[in-house]
Amino acid sequence: MVSDTLRKRPVAGATGQQRSQSTDAGKGNKVDGDTSKKNETGSKRSLTFAIGGVLTLLGVAGYTFMRQPRIDIHGPDVPSSTATASQTTLAALESVATKRDDARKRLDGLASKKRREEAKRLGLLTSDEVDAILEAHERSWYVSTGSGAPRLRVDTNQVSSNAPIEDYLAWSPLASTQFMFGVFDGHAGYMCAEQLSTRLAPMLSESLKAVDKLIAKDGDKLIANDGDKDLAPTDVGGTALKLRREAPGIAWDRVPLALTATFVRMDHELVTDSLTEFQRTRDAATMDALLGPAVSGSCGLVAVVDTEANEVVVANTGDSRALLGVRLGDGRWKAVRLSEDQTADNANETARMTREHPNETSVIHRGRVLGGLMPTRAFGDCRYKWPLDAQRDLFPTLYERGHRYATTPPNYTTPPYVTARPVIVRHKLGPNDKFVVVATDGLYDQLSDDEVVGSLGQWYDARSAGMEDNSLTTQDENAATHLVRAALSTDRLGRRDDTVIRRLLAIPPPHSRRFRDDISVQIITLNQ
């Protein structure tokens, strides 16, 4: 039975723009959803990597007024997946599209309980079909880190469950020995995460330059200099200056200050500046492009790896997670968490929310912000940030235009309730620190921290020993693909069996969200 083998607890809902606002269902969803909501009309896109007319493999459908996103990683010099696909791969993807389309017809229209039971009876994908899905969006490349410095190896992969996928990846060089790696886990649609994937890295580069003007090093302290007057109060440099002045006792370092300013300023542009601009123009033709990213939301996690300073700095807003894989002296692997999930399960976050909204007993309700949103920090999500009069003015029109989360939460009295300000973790890298995993929560729904690092450590050990026996440990050349395969092949008791992944990937979107989330992974291997 599927219920005996699937590891992830059932979650409700489809894509952000397809879910209703009426109920709070399924703990696995970041936002409230209606489990009976059927897949709404939306355009489908073809895959972008030379597989011809396979239109329904990932079940993509979405806002009809926006171009449809593609699964990809934003950043320079990323190897393309447009390399020639074998006829076997093309045939496998065609077969998956057909099977999922047939399965969707069987599941659509069924009541929730019957739909789940019917999903248990779907046929398994073949191993070739699973491989075709897992290899479709994998990337591997090396990053040069300057003269004489060790290289970084980067492995990435994404497997969708939402339609369209709401996760995005990005990477960017910040200096010759300093690199940014980001994961952006969207909810209530993909529009906010898409904006972050293209705009946050350039803003971080700008922020670092602004911080260099703003501060000068004096030992371990950072002090304001004459560059203050050159920073506009409305740009990222002005945001950094404001942060410094609001907390004069904090000894900010360069990268943490730049990251914090970038996250805060980016959210201000997405949520507040877009509202101001639309209120100025009232141009209906720009409404969706301006306000769509504000209505949707996204978690965001960025890791800055500096091979010269031998450190990694992680900024986290939401519930994506960064792990460090450490090789101990006895050969065992240890997982070190470089971020903390920011949800109501985090006692520090609950205390902060209660402190910021005293005497509001519903600020955390049923484990969610105002009973609706699971992460306590996020980009976008204007329904938890805009003034009430702005929501009353614009939400009815936005809702009619397809933004299904343009609704005001109950007990909305003292906004904003959600912030994008990140929590920063700095770690000095040592010789036993071997890799960094940056991933959305879809991975950690399936595997614990120790399982992630242990599985990846086994992969490294096996490949270092030259083992190629096509087992679950060694069959993938891409580290991220190995990790995704391990996650989707592990049942609720921690047992690995390829029938688990063959069944999970056979379930089409939006119904697949009851069993698994989008999974997006970046693995940065150090000292290559």
Protein backbone atom coordinates (compact mmCIF):
# COMPACT_ATOMS: atom_id res chain seq x y z
CA MET A 1 0.00 0.00 0.00
CA VAL A 2 1.16 3.52 -0.71
CA SER A 3 0.30 4.61 2.80
CA ASP A 4 2.82 2.10 4.13
CA THR A 5 5.68 3.26 1.95
CA LEU A 6 5.33 7.00 1.34
CA ARG A 7 7.39 8.92 3.84
CA LYS A 8 5.97 12.42 3.60
CA ARG A 9 2.79 13.15 5.50
CA PRO A 10 -0.17 14.06 3.28
CA VAL A 11 -0.46 17.72 2.38
CA ALA A 12 -3.33 19.53 0.79
CA GLY A 13 -3.66 21.89 -2.11
CA ALA A 14 -2.29 22.49 -5.58
CA THR A 15 -0.31 25.45 -6.81
CA GLY A 16 -0.52 28.79 -5.07
CA GLN A 17 -2.74 30.36 -7.67
CA GLN A 18 -4.99 27.32 -7.73
CA ARG A 19 -5.65 27.00 -3.99
CA SER A 20 -8.71 28.46 -2.34
CA GLN A 21 -8.49 30.69 0.73
CA SER A 22 -11.33 29.02 2.55
CA THR A 23 -9.54 26.49 4.75
CA ASP A 24 -6.27 25.81 6.50
CA ALA A 25 -5.40 22.26 5.52
CA GLY A 26 -2.35 20.07 5.36
CA LYS A 27 0.56 20.97 7.60
CA GLY A 28 2.94 20.50 4.71
CA ASN A 29 1.66 23.57 2.87
CA LYS A 30 3.09 26.99 3.65
CA VAL A 31 -0.26 28.61 2.98
CA ASP A 32 -3.82 27.58 3.65
CA GLY A 33 -5.52 25.52 0.96
CA ASP A 34 -8.72 23.83 -0.11
CA THR A 35 -8.09 20.13 -0.59
CA SER A 36 -10.99 19.78 -3.00
CA LYS A 37 -9.86 22.57 -5.32
CA LYS A 38 -9.61 21.32 -8.88
CA ASN A 39 -6.86 22.28 -11.25
CA GLU A 40 -7.83 25.59 -12.83
CA THR A 41 -7.36 26.60 -16.42
CA GLY A 42 -3.83 27.62 -17.26
CA SER A 43 -1.46 27.48 -20.15
CA LYS A 44 1.07 24.68 -20.36
CA ARG A 45 4.66 25.08 -21.33
CA SER A 46 7.07 22.75 -22.99
CA LEU A 47 10.26 21.72 -21.27
CA THR A 48 13.14 23.97 -22.20
CA PHE A 49 15.83 21.42 -22.85
CA ALA A 50 15.45 19.86 -26.30
CA ILE A 51 12.82 17.29 -25.54
CA GLY A 52 10.47 18.53 -28.21
CA GLY A 53 6.78 18.40 -27.51
CA VAL A 54 6.65 16.87 -24.04
CA LEU A 55 4.13 19.42 -22.75
CA THR A 56 2.72 17.80 -19.66
CA LEU A 57 5.64 16.08 -17.95
CA LEU A 58 5.72 18.52 -15.05
CA GLY A 59 2.02 19.37 -15.17
CA VAL A 60 2.72 23.06 -15.49
CA ALA A 61 -0.19 25.49 -15.47
CA GLY A 62 -0.43 28.92 -14.00
CA TYR A 63 -1.32 32.56 -14.30
CA THR A 64 -2.64 33.23 -17.78
CA PHE A 65 -1.43 36.83 -17.69
CA MET A 66 2.25 36.04 -17.10
CA ARG A 67 4.83 34.18 -19.11
CA GLN A 68 5.27 30.73 -17.68
CA PRO A 69 8.43 30.04 -15.67
CA ARG A 70 10.90 27.33 -16.45
CA ILE A 71 12.87 25.17 -14.10
CA ASP A 72 16.35 26.59 -14.16
CA ILE A 73 19.12 28.10 -12.07
CA HIS A 74 19.84 31.78 -12.56
CA GLY A 75 23.54 32.62 -12.70
CA PRO A 76 26.52 32.96 -15.05
CA ASP A 77 28.23 30.06 -16.79
CA VAL A 78 25.76 27.41 -15.68
CA PRO A 79 25.91 24.42 -18.03
CA SER A 80 22.79 24.19 -20.15
CA SER A 81 20.58 21.12 -20.15
CA THR A 82 19.93 21.63 -23.85
CA ALA A 83 22.48 19.03 -24.74
CA THR A 84 21.25 16.35 -27.08
CA ALA A 85 18.85 14.05 -25.30
CA SER A 86 18.95 10.39 -26.21
CA GLN A 87 16.00 8.80 -27.92
CA THR A 88 15.59 6.61 -24.85
CA THR A 89 15.29 9.69 -22.63
CA LEU A 90 12.84 11.38 -24.99
CA ALA A 91 10.71 8.26 -25.16
CA ALA A 92 10.74 7.96 -21.35
CA LEU A 93 9.62 11.57 -20.90
CA GLU A 94 6.87 11.13 -23.48
CA SER A 95 5.70 8.05 -21.61
CA VAL A 96 5.68 9.92 -18.27
CA ALA A 97 3.60 12.71 -19.80
CA THR A 98 1.05 10.19 -21.07
CA LYS A 99 0.87 8.27 -17.79
CA ARG A 100 0.47 11.43 -15.73
CA ASP A 101 -2.22 12.76 -18.04
CA ASP A 102 -4.15 9.51 -17.71
CA ALA A 103 -3.66 9.52 -13.93
CA ARG A 104 -4.89 13.11 -13.68
CA LYS A 105 -8.09 12.18 -15.46
CA ARG A 106 -8.64 9.38 -12.95
CA LEU A 107 -8.03 11.65 -9.95
CA ASP A 108 -9.72 14.89 -10.99
CA GLY A 109 -13.20 15.32 -9.60
CA LEU A 110 -12.89 12.71 -6.87
CA ALA A 111 -13.56 13.58 -3.26
CA SER A 112 -10.46 13.93 -1.11
CA LYS A 113 -10.56 10.49 0.53
CA LYS A 114 -11.41 8.66 -2.69
CA ARG A 115 -8.72 10.59 -4.57
CA ARG A 116 -6.08 9.51 -2.10
CA GLU A 117 -7.19 5.90 -2.30
CA GLU A 118 -7.17 6.02 -6.10
CA ALA A 119 -3.64 7.46 -6.05
CA LYS A 120 -2.53 4.31 -4.24
CA ARG A 121 -3.67 2.25 -7.21
CA LEU A 122 -1.76 4.17 -9.88
CA GLY A 123 0.87 2.18 -11.73
CA LEU A 124 4.58 2.63 -11.06
CA LEU A 125 6.89 4.49 -13.39
CA THR A 126 9.74 2.48 -14.86
CA SER A 127 13.31 3.03 -13.72
CA ASP A 128 14.12 4.67 -17.07
CA GLU A 129 11.24 7.10 -16.61
CA VAL A 130 12.41 8.00 -13.11
CA ASP A 131 15.96 8.55 -14.38
CA ALA A 132 14.69 10.81 -17.17
CA ILE A 133 12.84 13.02 -14.67
CA LEU A 134 15.75 13.20 -12.23
CA GLU A 135 18.32 13.98 -14.91
CA ALA A 136 16.24 16.58 -16.75
CA HIS A 137 17.33 19.56 -14.64
CA GLU A 138 20.59 18.45 -13.05
CA ARG A 139 23.66 20.66 -13.42
CA SER A 140 27.30 20.25 -12.36
CA TRP A 141 30.18 22.66 -12.82
CA TYR A 142 33.37 23.90 -11.20
CA VAL A 143 33.98 27.45 -10.02
CA SER A 144 37.48 28.88 -10.17
CA THR A 145 38.31 30.81 -7.00
CA GLY A 146 41.40 32.72 -8.05
CA SER A 147 45.07 32.00 -8.46
CA GLY A 148 46.19 29.11 -6.30
CA ALA A 149 42.87 28.83 -4.47
CA PRO A 150 40.93 25.57 -4.42
CA ARG A 151 37.95 25.26 -6.72
CA LEU A 152 34.36 24.79 -5.73
CA ARG A 153 32.22 22.12 -7.31
CA VAL A 154 28.54 22.96 -7.66
CA ASP A 155 25.78 20.37 -8.20
CA THR A 156 22.14 21.40 -8.52
CA ASN A 157 18.82 19.77 -9.26
CA GLN A 158 15.10 20.43 -9.04
CA VAL A 159 12.07 18.14 -9.18
CA SER A 160 8.66 19.78 -9.16
CA SER A 161 5.42 18.84 -7.48
CA ASN A 162 3.56 22.12 -7.88
CA ALA A 163 2.41 23.18 -11.31
CA PRO A 164 4.26 25.32 -12.14
CA ILE A 165 7.18 24.75 -9.80
CA GLU A 166 7.39 27.43 -7.12
CA ASP A 167 11.09 26.94 -6.27
CA TYR A 168 13.94 28.86 -7.89
CA LEU A 169 17.73 28.64 -7.62
CA ALA A 170 20.40 31.28 -8.22
CA TRP A 171 24.12 31.69 -7.93
CA SER A 172 26.49 34.58 -8.61
CA PRO A 173 30.17 35.48 -8.15
CA LEU A 174 30.52 38.45 -5.81
CA ALA A 175 34.32 38.65 -6.01
CA SER A 176 37.11 36.41 -7.26
CA THR A 177 36.93 34.28 -4.10
CA GLN A 178 33.39 35.06 -2.92
CA PHE A 179 30.22 33.44 -4.26
CA MET A 180 26.49 33.59 -3.56
CA PHE A 181 24.20 30.54 -3.69
CA GLY A 182 20.48 30.99 -3.16
CA VAL A 183 17.27 28.95 -2.95
CA PHE A 184 13.88 30.62 -3.10
CA ASP A 185 10.85 28.54 -2.13
CA GLY A 186 7.71 30.24 -3.38
CA HIS A 187 4.22 29.84 -2.03
CA ALA A 188 0.86 31.14 -3.24
CA GLY A 189 2.39 31.03 -6.71
CA TYR A 190 5.81 31.38 -8.27
CA MET A 191 5.95 35.13 -8.99
CA CYS A 192 7.76 36.30 -5.85
CA ALA A 193 10.39 33.53 -5.98
CA GLU A 194 10.99 34.22 -9.66
CA GLN A 195 11.73 37.88 -8.92
CA LEU A 196 14.12 36.97 -6.13
CA SER A 197 16.04 34.55 -8.34
CA THR A 198 16.90 37.27 -10.85
CA ARG A 199 17.06 40.44 -8.75
CA LEU A 200 18.55 39.52 -5.39
CA ALA A 201 22.09 38.68 -6.53
CA PRO A 202 22.64 42.03 -8.36
CA MET A 203 21.23 43.85 -5.35
CA LEU A 204 23.61 41.98 -3.03
CA SER A 205 26.56 43.06 -5.18
CA GLU A 206 25.30 46.63 -4.99
CA SER A 207 24.83 46.30 -1.25
CA LEU A 208 28.39 45.10 -0.70
CA LYS A 209 29.71 48.13 -2.59
CA ALA A 210 27.47 50.42 -0.57
CA VAL A 211 28.62 48.87 2.70
CA ASP A 212 32.23 49.39 1.63
CA LYS A 213 31.41 53.10 1.28
CA LEU A 214 29.49 53.18 4.52
CA ILE A 215 31.95 51.48 6.83
CA ALA A 216 35.67 51.13 7.39
CA LYS A 217 37.39 48.42 9.38
CA ASP A 218 39.12 49.30 12.63
CA GLY A 219 40.25 46.01 14.06
CA ASP A 220 37.10 43.97 14.61
CA LYS A 221 34.82 47.04 14.57
CA LEU A 222 32.96 48.68 11.72
CA ILE A 223 32.50 52.45 11.86
CA ALA A 224 30.63 54.90 9.68
CA ASN A 225 32.73 57.00 7.36
CA ASP A 226 32.20 59.97 5.05
CA GLY A 227 30.45 57.76 2.54
CA ASP A 228 27.23 58.14 4.54
CA LYS A 229 26.13 61.25 2.67
CA ASP A 230 26.44 59.45 -0.69
CA LEU A 231 23.82 56.86 0.21
CA ALA A 232 20.24 57.54 -0.80
CA PRO A 233 17.65 56.65 1.85
CA THR A 234 15.60 54.77 -0.75
CA ASP A 235 18.27 52.36 -2.05
CA VAL A 236 20.03 49.36 -0.58
CA GLY A 237 22.89 51.51 0.70
CA GLY A 238 20.46 53.71 2.56
CA THR A 239 18.89 50.59 4.02
CA ALA A 240 22.30 49.47 5.30
CA LEU A 241 22.86 52.90 6.83
CA LYS A 242 19.45 52.77 8.51
CA LEU A 243 20.22 49.35 9.96
CA ARG A 244 23.47 50.66 11.41
CA ARG A 245 21.77 53.67 12.98
CA GLU A 246 18.91 51.60 14.42
CA ALA A 247 21.36 49.32 16.23
CA PRO A 248 24.51 51.32 17.01
CA GLY A 249 25.63 48.75 19.56
CA ILE A 250 25.84 45.93 17.02
CA ALA A 251 29.33 45.34 15.59
CA TRP A 252 28.17 44.64 12.04
CA ASP A 253 30.54 42.86 9.73
CA ARG A 254 30.54 43.56 6.00
CA VAL A 255 28.74 40.50 4.61
CA PRO A 256 26.06 40.15 7.32
CA LEU A 257 25.18 43.84 7.01
CA ALA A 258 25.05 43.64 3.21
CA LEU A 259 22.88 40.51 3.30
CA THR A 260 20.47 41.97 5.84
CA ALA A 261 20.17 45.22 3.88
CA THR A 262 19.59 43.29 0.66
CA PHE A 263 16.81 41.14 2.08
CA VAL A 264 15.06 44.10 3.73
CA ARG A 265 15.37 46.37 0.69
CA MET A 266 14.30 43.67 -1.76
CA ASP A 267 11.12 42.99 0.18
CA HIS A 268 10.43 46.71 0.42
CA GLU A 269 10.63 46.97 -3.36
CA LEU A 270 8.41 43.93 -3.89
CA VAL A 271 5.74 44.84 -1.33
CA THR A 272 5.80 48.59 -0.61
CA ASP A 273 7.34 50.28 -3.64
CA SER A 274 5.14 48.29 -6.01
CA LEU A 275 2.05 49.34 -4.06
CA THR A 276 3.11 52.99 -4.10
CA GLU A 277 3.75 52.87 -7.85
CA PHE A 278 0.40 51.30 -8.64
CA GLN A 279 -1.45 53.73 -6.39
CA ARG A 280 0.26 56.53 -8.30
CA THR A 281 -0.63 55.29 -11.79
CA ARG A 282 -3.75 53.11 -11.24
CA ASP A 283 -2.74 51.48 -14.53
CA ALA A 284 -4.63 48.19 -14.83
CA ALA A 285 -2.23 47.01 -17.52
CA THR A 286 0.62 46.94 -14.97
CA MET A 287 -1.35 45.61 -12.02
CA ASP A 288 -0.41 41.97 -12.32
CA ALA A 289 3.29 42.54 -13.03
CA LEU A 290 3.61 45.09 -10.21
CA LEU A 291 1.49 43.48 -7.52
CA GLY A 292 1.59 39.77 -8.39
CA PRO A 293 4.99 39.21 -6.70
CA ALA A 294 3.67 41.01 -3.61
CA VAL A 295 0.56 38.83 -3.36
CA SER A 296 2.55 35.63 -3.71
CA GLY A 297 5.36 34.92 -1.29
CA SER A 298 8.67 33.16 -0.93
CA CYS A 299 11.14 31.93 1.61
CA GLY A 300 14.73 32.80 0.78
CA LEU A 301 18.07 31.39 1.87
CA VAL A 302 21.41 32.70 0.62
CA ALA A 303 24.84 31.28 1.44
CA VAL A 304 27.92 33.38 0.70
CA VAL A 305 31.03 31.22 0.47
CA ASP A 306 34.37 33.02 0.74
CA THR A 307 37.33 30.78 -0.08
CA GLU A 308 39.89 33.43 0.88
CA ALA A 309 38.37 34.16 4.30
CA ASN A 310 37.50 30.46 4.69
CA GLU A 311 33.99 31.18 5.86
CA VAL A 312 30.36 30.76 4.89
CA VAL A 313 27.71 33.29 5.85
CA VAL A 314 24.07 32.22 5.62
CA ALA A 315 21.08 34.56 5.57
CA ASN A 316 17.73 32.84 6.04
CA THR A 317 14.18 34.09 5.78
CA GLY A 318 11.66 31.25 6.10
CA ASP A 319 12.07 27.49 6.30
CA SER A 320 14.63 26.54 3.66
CA ARG A 321 17.76 25.12 5.26
CA ALA A 322 21.55 25.06 4.93
CA LEU A 323 23.66 22.18 6.24
CA LEU A 324 27.39 21.66 6.52
CA GLY A 325 28.80 18.21 5.92
CA VAL A 326 31.75 17.55 8.26
CA ARG A 327 34.04 14.52 7.93
CA LEU A 328 35.10 13.42 11.40
CA GLY A 329 38.48 11.94 12.21
CA ASP A 330 37.03 8.42 12.51
CA GLY A 331 35.48 8.62 9.03
CA ARG A 332 31.93 9.29 10.16
CA TRP A 333 29.91 12.21 8.80
CA LYS A 334 28.36 14.93 10.95
CA ALA A 335 25.60 17.38 9.97
CA VAL A 336 25.97 20.96 11.22
CA ARG A 337 22.96 23.19 10.70
CA LEU A 338 23.79 26.64 9.31
CA SER A 339 20.25 27.99 9.59
CA GLU A 340 17.15 27.63 11.71
CA ASP A 341 13.66 27.10 10.33
CA GLN A 342 11.56 30.17 11.01
CA THR A 343 8.13 28.76 11.80
CA ALA A 344 5.88 28.61 14.83
CA ASP A 345 7.80 25.49 15.88
CA ASN A 346 10.76 27.77 16.58
CA ALA A 347 10.35 29.06 20.14
CA ASN A 348 12.42 32.17 19.39
CA GLU A 349 10.13 33.07 16.51
CA THR A 350 6.98 32.52 18.55
CA ALA A 351 8.37 34.72 21.31
CA ARG A 352 9.27 37.44 18.81
CA MET A 353 5.81 37.38 17.24
CA THR A 354 4.15 37.56 20.65
CA ARG A 355 6.42 40.41 21.70
CA GLU A 356 5.73 42.40 18.52
CA HIS A 357 1.96 41.84 18.74
CA PRO A 358 1.08 41.83 22.46
CA ASN A 359 -2.44 40.91 23.54
CA GLU A 360 -3.18 39.27 20.17
CA THR A 361 -3.89 35.68 21.09
CA SER A 362 -4.36 34.66 17.45
CA VAL A 363 -1.05 35.97 16.13
CA ILE A 364 0.04 32.32 16.08
CA HIS A 365 -3.02 30.16 15.57
CA ARG A 366 -2.98 26.45 14.74
CA GLY A 367 0.79 26.70 14.26
CA ARG A 368 0.57 29.45 11.64
CA VAL A 369 0.70 33.23 11.42
CA LEU A 370 -2.93 34.33 11.97
CA GLY A 371 -3.86 30.73 11.24
CA GLY A 372 -2.69 30.89 7.63
CA LEU A 373 1.03 31.18 6.87
CA MET A 374 3.51 28.60 8.12
CA PRO A 375 6.82 30.56 7.90
CA THR A 376 7.05 33.52 10.26
CA ARG A 377 9.46 35.32 7.91
CA ALA A 378 9.01 35.60 4.17
CA PHE A 379 9.31 37.84 1.15
CA GLY A 380 6.09 39.11 -0.43
CA ASP A 381 2.90 37.90 1.30
CA CYS A 382 1.39 41.38 1.27
CA ARG A 383 -1.76 40.04 2.90
CA TYR A 384 0.32 39.99 6.10
CA LYS A 385 2.00 43.36 5.48
CA TRP A 386 -0.14 45.88 3.58
CA PRO A 387 -2.30 48.38 5.50
CA LEU A 388 -5.89 47.27 5.75
CA ASP A 389 -7.18 50.14 3.62
CA ALA A 390 -4.87 49.12 0.75
CA GLN A 391 -6.11 45.54 0.99
CA ARG A 392 -9.73 46.67 0.91
CA ASP A 393 -8.99 48.84 -2.09
CA LEU A 394 -7.07 46.34 -4.23
CA PHE A 395 -7.76 42.78 -3.10
CA PRO A 396 -11.20 42.40 -4.72
CA THR A 397 -9.77 43.29 -8.14
CA LEU A 398 -6.64 41.21 -7.66
CA TYR A 399 -8.72 38.23 -6.61
CA GLU A 400 -10.90 38.55 -9.69
CA ARG A 401 -7.77 38.63 -11.84
CA GLY A 402 -6.64 35.24 -10.53
CA HIS A 403 -4.58 36.10 -7.44
CA ARG A 404 -6.35 33.69 -5.12
CA TYR A 405 -4.39 34.79 -2.07
CA ALA A 406 -5.51 38.40 -2.32
CA THR A 407 -7.63 38.05 0.82
CA THR A 408 -7.28 39.54 4.28
CA PRO A 409 -6.51 37.11 7.14
CA PRO A 410 -8.80 37.07 10.17
CA ASN A 411 -7.93 39.21 13.19
CA TYR A 412 -5.76 41.51 11.08
CA THR A 413 -5.19 44.51 13.37
CA THR A 414 -1.48 45.45 13.70
CA PRO A 415 0.41 44.78 10.45
CA PRO A 416 3.00 43.93 9.42
CA TYR A 417 2.91 40.41 10.85
CA VAL A 418 5.63 38.92 8.64
CA THR A 419 9.14 40.23 8.00
CA ALA A 420 11.77 39.40 5.41
CA ARG A 421 14.64 40.41 7.69
CA PRO A 422 16.96 37.37 7.76
CA VAL A 423 18.67 35.57 10.58
CA ILE A 424 22.41 35.44 9.91
CA VAL A 425 24.76 32.56 10.74
CA ARG A 426 28.54 32.79 10.19
CA HIS A 427 30.79 29.74 10.18
CA LYS A 428 34.56 29.58 9.86
CA LEU A 429 35.41 26.72 7.54
CA GLY A 430 37.90 24.10 8.68
CA PRO A 431 39.76 21.31 6.86
CA ASN A 432 37.08 18.74 7.80
CA ASP A 433 34.23 20.83 6.37
CA LYS A 434 33.59 19.12 3.04
CA PHE A 435 30.34 20.41 1.57
CA VAL A 436 27.41 22.78 2.05
CA VAL A 437 23.83 21.75 1.21
CA VAL A 438 21.38 24.55 0.43
CA ALA A 439 17.85 23.26 -0.16
CA THR A 440 14.16 24.03 0.09
CA ASP A 441 12.05 22.34 2.72
CA GLY A 442 10.80 19.73 0.25
CA LEU A 443 14.08 17.88 0.81
CA TYR A 444 13.84 18.05 4.61
CA ASP A 445 10.22 16.86 4.55
CA GLN A 446 11.69 13.57 3.35
CA LEU A 447 15.06 13.34 5.12
CA SER A 448 16.49 14.47 8.46
CA ASP A 449 19.68 16.52 8.66
CA ASP A 450 21.69 13.43 9.55
CA GLU A 451 20.13 11.46 6.70
CA VAL A 452 20.96 14.23 4.21
CA VAL A 453 24.61 14.48 5.23
CA GLY A 454 24.99 10.73 5.80
CA SER A 455 23.55 9.86 2.38
CA LEU A 456 25.68 12.45 0.65
CA GLY A 457 28.74 11.36 2.62
CA GLN A 458 28.22 7.78 1.43
CA TRP A 459 28.03 9.09 -2.13
CA TYR A 460 31.34 10.95 -1.75
CA ASP A 461 33.02 7.97 -0.11
CA ALA A 462 31.82 5.53 -2.76
CA ARG A 463 32.90 7.71 -5.65
CA SER A 464 36.25 8.41 -4.05
CA ALA A 465 36.75 4.65 -3.81
CA GLY A 466 35.84 4.22 -7.48
CA MET A 467 32.67 2.26 -6.77
CA GLU A 468 30.21 2.21 -9.69
CA ASP A 469 27.78 -0.60 -8.99
CA ASN A 470 24.62 1.30 -10.04
CA SER A 471 23.21 1.10 -6.53
CA LEU A 472 21.24 3.91 -4.91
CA THR A 473 24.55 5.12 -3.48
CA THR A 474 26.59 5.35 -6.67
CA GLN A 475 24.34 5.43 -9.73
CA ASP A 476 24.16 9.24 -10.03
CA GLU A 477 27.13 11.35 -11.09
CA ASN A 478 25.45 14.51 -9.81
CA ALA A 479 25.47 14.92 -6.02
CA ALA A 480 22.17 16.81 -5.97
CA THR A 481 20.49 14.16 -8.11
CA HIS A 482 21.71 11.51 -5.69
CA LEU A 483 20.22 13.43 -2.78
CA VAL A 484 16.85 13.96 -4.50
CA ARG A 485 16.75 10.27 -5.45
CA ALA A 486 17.55 9.27 -1.87
CA ALA A 487 14.83 11.57 -0.51
CA LEU A 488 12.13 10.28 -2.83
CA SER A 489 13.21 6.63 -2.41
CA THR A 490 12.96 6.65 1.39
CA ASP A 491 9.77 5.50 3.08
CA ARG A 492 8.35 6.73 6.37
CA LEU A 493 10.37 4.13 8.30
CA GLY A 494 13.66 5.28 6.75
CA ARG A 495 13.92 2.32 4.38
CA ARG A 496 15.11 2.90 0.82
CA ASP A 497 13.38 1.20 -2.05
CA ASP A 498 13.12 2.37 -5.66
CA THR A 499 9.42 1.43 -5.73
CA VAL A 500 8.79 4.44 -3.47
CA ILE A 501 10.14 6.95 -5.97
CA ARG A 502 8.53 5.13 -8.89
CA ARG A 503 5.15 5.54 -7.20
CA LEU A 504 5.67 9.11 -5.96
CA LEU A 505 6.70 10.45 -9.36
CA ALA A 506 3.76 8.73 -11.06
CA ILE A 507 1.28 10.96 -9.18
CA PRO A 508 0.53 14.05 -11.31
CA PRO A 509 0.21 17.62 -10.09
CA PRO A 510 -1.73 19.05 -8.37
CA HIS A 511 -2.47 15.76 -6.57
CA SER A 512 1.22 15.07 -5.97
CA ARG A 513 1.27 17.86 -3.36
CA ARG A 514 -0.48 15.51 -0.97
CA PHE A 515 2.64 13.36 -0.95
CA ARG A 516 5.65 15.57 -1.69
CA ASP A 517 6.69 19.19 -2.20
CA ASP A 518 8.90 20.79 -4.84
CA ILE A 519 12.52 19.85 -4.11
CA SER A 520 15.40 22.14 -5.07
CA VAL A 521 18.97 21.46 -4.01
CA GLN A 522 22.37 23.11 -4.40
CA ILE A 523 25.48 21.33 -3.13
CA ILE A 524 28.74 23.24 -2.90
CA THR A 525 31.72 20.93 -2.50
CA LEU A 526 34.67 22.69 -0.88
CA ASN A 527 38.39 22.38 -1.60
CA GLN A 528 38.16 20.74 -5.01
